[in-house]
C-alpha atoms as a PDB file:
ATOM      1  CA  MET A   1       0.000   0.000   0.000  1.00  0.00           C
ATOM      2  CA  LEU A   2       2.810   2.473   0.780  1.00  0.00           C
ATOM      3  CA  ASP A   3       4.295   1.848  -2.658  1.00  0.00           C
ATOM      4  CA  GLU A   4       0.963   2.769  -4.246  1.00  0.00           C
ATOM      5  CA  ILE A   5       0.757   6.001  -2.244  1.00  0.00           C
ATOM      6  CA  VAL A   6       4.318   6.931  -3.210  1.00  0.00           C
ATOM      7  CA  LEU A   7       3.562   6.211  -6.859  1.00  0.00           C
ATOM      8  CA  LYS A   8       0.393   8.332  -6.770  1.00  0.00           C
ATOM      9  CA  VAL A   9       2.204  11.277  -5.156  1.00  0.00           C
ATOM     10  CA  LYS A  10       4.991  10.991  -7.727  1.00  0.00           C
ATOM     11  CA  GLU A  11       2.478  10.899 -10.594  1.00  0.00           C
ATOM     12  CA  GLU A  12       0.702  13.972  -9.242  1.00  0.00           C
ATOM     13  CA  ARG A  13       4.039  15.756  -8.684  1.00  0.00           C
ATOM     14  CA  ILE A  14       5.193  15.089 -12.244  1.00  0.00           C
ATOM     15  CA  LYS A  15       1.782  15.999 -13.704  1.00  0.00           C
ATOM     16  CA  ARG A  16       2.099  19.405 -12.032  1.00  0.00           C
ATOM     17  CA  ASN A  17       5.747  19.812 -13.075  1.00  0.00           C
ATOM     18  CA  ILE A  18       6.861  20.041  -9.438  1.00  0.00           C
ATOM     19  CA  SER A  19      10.460  19.053  -8.740  1.00  0.00           C
ATOM     20  CA  GLN A  20      11.577  16.835  -5.894  1.00  0.00           C
ATOM     21  CA  LEU A  21      13.164  19.925  -4.349  1.00  0.00           C
ATOM     22  CA  ALA A  22       9.899  21.888  -4.517  1.00  0.00           C
ATOM     23  CA  LEU A  23       7.988  18.993  -2.952  1.00  0.00           C
ATOM     24  CA  ALA A  24      10.640  18.648  -0.251  1.00  0.00           C
ATOM     25  CA  GLU A  25      10.238  22.340   0.539  1.00  0.00           C
ATOM     26  CA  ILE A  26       6.445  21.917   0.767  1.00  0.00           C
ATOM     27  CA  LEU A  27       7.120  19.210   3.353  1.00  0.00           C
ATOM     28  CA  GLY A  28       9.543  21.431   5.285  1.00  0.00           C
ATOM     29  CA  HIS A  29      12.839  19.978   4.045  1.00  0.00           C
ATOM     30  CA  LYS A  30      15.673  21.886   2.394  1.00  0.00           C
ATOM     31  CA  SER A  31      16.965  19.105   0.156  1.00  0.00           C
ATOM     32  CA  PRO A  32      15.338  16.933  -2.530  1.00  0.00           C
ATOM     33  CA  ASN A  33      17.073  13.905  -0.990  1.00  0.00           C
ATOM     34  CA  TYR A  34      14.136  13.284   1.348  1.00  0.00           C
ATOM     35  CA  VAL A  35      11.661  12.948  -1.516  1.00  0.00           C
ATOM     36  CA  ALA A  36      14.171  10.961  -3.577  1.00  0.00           C
ATOM     37  CA  LYS A  37      14.558   8.467  -0.717  1.00  0.00           C
ATOM     38  CA  ILE A  38      10.794   8.055  -0.520  1.00  0.00           C
ATOM     39  CA  GLU A  39      10.340   7.687  -4.277  1.00  0.00           C
ATOM     40  CA  THR A  40      13.081   5.082  -4.669  1.00  0.00           C
ATOM     41  CA  ARG A  41      11.657   3.044  -1.756  1.00  0.00           C
ATOM     42  CA  LYS A  42      15.208   1.914  -0.902  1.00  0.00           C
ATOM     43  CA  HIS A  43      15.140   3.411   2.571  1.00  0.00           C
ATOM     44  CA  ASP A  44      12.685   3.042   5.411  1.00  0.00           C
ATOM     45  CA  VAL A  45      11.178   6.461   4.726  1.00  0.00           C
ATOM     46  CA  SER A  46       7.609   7.209   3.720  1.00  0.00           C
ATOM     47  CA  TYR A  47       5.030   9.959   3.652  1.00  0.00           C
ATOM     48  CA  ASN A  48       3.026  10.399   6.838  1.00  0.00           C
ATOM     49  CA  LEU A  49      -0.496  11.768   7.147  1.00  0.00           C
ATOM     50  CA  SER A  50       0.778  15.296   7.729  1.00  0.00           C
ATOM     51  CA  HIS A  51       2.816  15.066   4.521  1.00  0.00           C
ATOM     52  CA  LEU A  52      -0.190  13.834   2.556  1.00  0.00           C
ATOM     53  CA  TYR A  53      -2.283  16.709   3.913  1.00  0.00           C
ATOM     54  CA  LYS A  54       0.332  19.291   2.900  1.00  0.00           C
ATOM     55  CA  ILE A  55       0.705  17.710  -0.544  1.00  0.00           C
ATOM     56  CA  ALA A  56      -3.055  17.577  -1.096  1.00  0.00           C
ATOM     57  CA  CYS A  57      -3.449  21.236  -0.092  1.00  0.00           C
ATOM     58  CA  GLU A  58      -0.615  22.322  -2.366  1.00  0.00           C
ATOM     59  CA  PHE A  59      -1.903  20.250  -5.302  1.00  0.00           C
ATOM     60  CA  GLY A  60      -5.526  21.317  -4.769  1.00  0.00           C
ATOM     61  CA  ILE A  61      -6.804  17.771  -4.293  1.00  0.00           C
ATOM     62  CA  GLU A  62      -8.237  15.663  -1.477  1.00  0.00           C
ATOM     63  CA  VAL A  63      -5.960  13.518   0.705  1.00  0.00           C
ATOM     64  CA  THR A  64      -8.081  10.543  -0.329  1.00  0.00           C
ATOM     65  CA  ASP A  65      -6.992  11.120  -3.941  1.00  0.00           C
ATOM     66  CA  LEU A  66      -3.496  10.047  -2.854  1.00  0.00           C
ATOM     67  CA  ILE A  67      -4.600   6.853  -1.117  1.00  0.00           C
ATOM     68  CA  PRO A  68      -5.556   3.749  -3.100  1.00  0.00           C
ATOM     69  CA  HIS A  69      -9.093   2.478  -2.748  1.00  0.00           C
ATOM     70  CA  ILE A  70      -9.589  -0.594  -0.615  1.00  0.00           C
ATOM     71  CA  LYS A  71     -10.635  -3.515  -2.747  1.00  0.00           C
ATOM     72  CA  SER A  72     -13.495  -5.529  -1.335  1.00  0.00           C
ATOM     73  CA  PRO A  73     -12.728  -9.209  -0.905  1.00  0.00           C
ATOM     74  CA  LEU A  74     -14.685 -11.560  -3.101  1.00  0.00           C
ATOM     75  CA  LYS A  75     -17.408 -13.396  -1.244  1.00  0.00           C
END
């Protein structure tokens, strides 16, 4: 699930032509390395709910737009 959230944020970031540095600054970091670590999924770093809220506000979308829908199990 975290991979899907990261992928969705990255897609939205690229769609809006926002650099990793700009996104890092939105999240309160001074270097794009933080976002790069999240996007490569090679480190134990991920977006938290506060990050998703800040991203959603900046992108003009709902937080739920960044979270994959839960698939109902087949009965």
